[in-house]
Amino acid sequence: MDAKLIQPQSYNAPPANVDLDEDIKRNYAEAASIEQLSPKGAAALLRLCVQQLCKQLGESGKNINADIAELVKKGLPVEIQQALDVVRVVGNNAVHPGEIILEDQPDTVAALFTLLNAIADRMITQPKKIAALYAALPESVVAAIDKRDRPKA
């Protein structure tokens, strides 16, 4: 019997945002596990995560470009649209010959993990926290706010 010492894999990617759907977290973890060995594969998986995230945000999840366009129509902040498009374009170019050569730009893939988490934080985590705090306000205060914000007749 040959004995081999197996090194545990270490990941450079930050942990996935806890508010992402489980399927997104699984793909994110897989991307993190191959980031060093296959930057192209990691970028492609992160592009898939963005497509799944668009679905989590209420879009169809069938056409990532169309989903982002719909989110923009609904008031998506420009910086989030740009972050989505960065991950989309880099992920596309990872599997289709393009101008981005990931082997020469290892920091690019690392940045995609950060972008994905930033998108989830802005679009899911922050609204969730704010909604919970708002829901904890006394009913009389919420009623006064509603009265203040109701259109004047």
Foldseek 3Di string as FASTA:
>chain_A
DDDDDDDDQDFPADQADPPQPPVLNVLQVVLRRCLVVQVLSSLLSLLLSLLSVLVVLPDDSPDNVVSLVVVVVVPDDPVLSVLNVLSNVSNVCSVPPDDDDCVVPSVSSNVNSVSNRVNCCVRPVVVVVVVVVVVPDDPVVVVVVCVVPDDDD
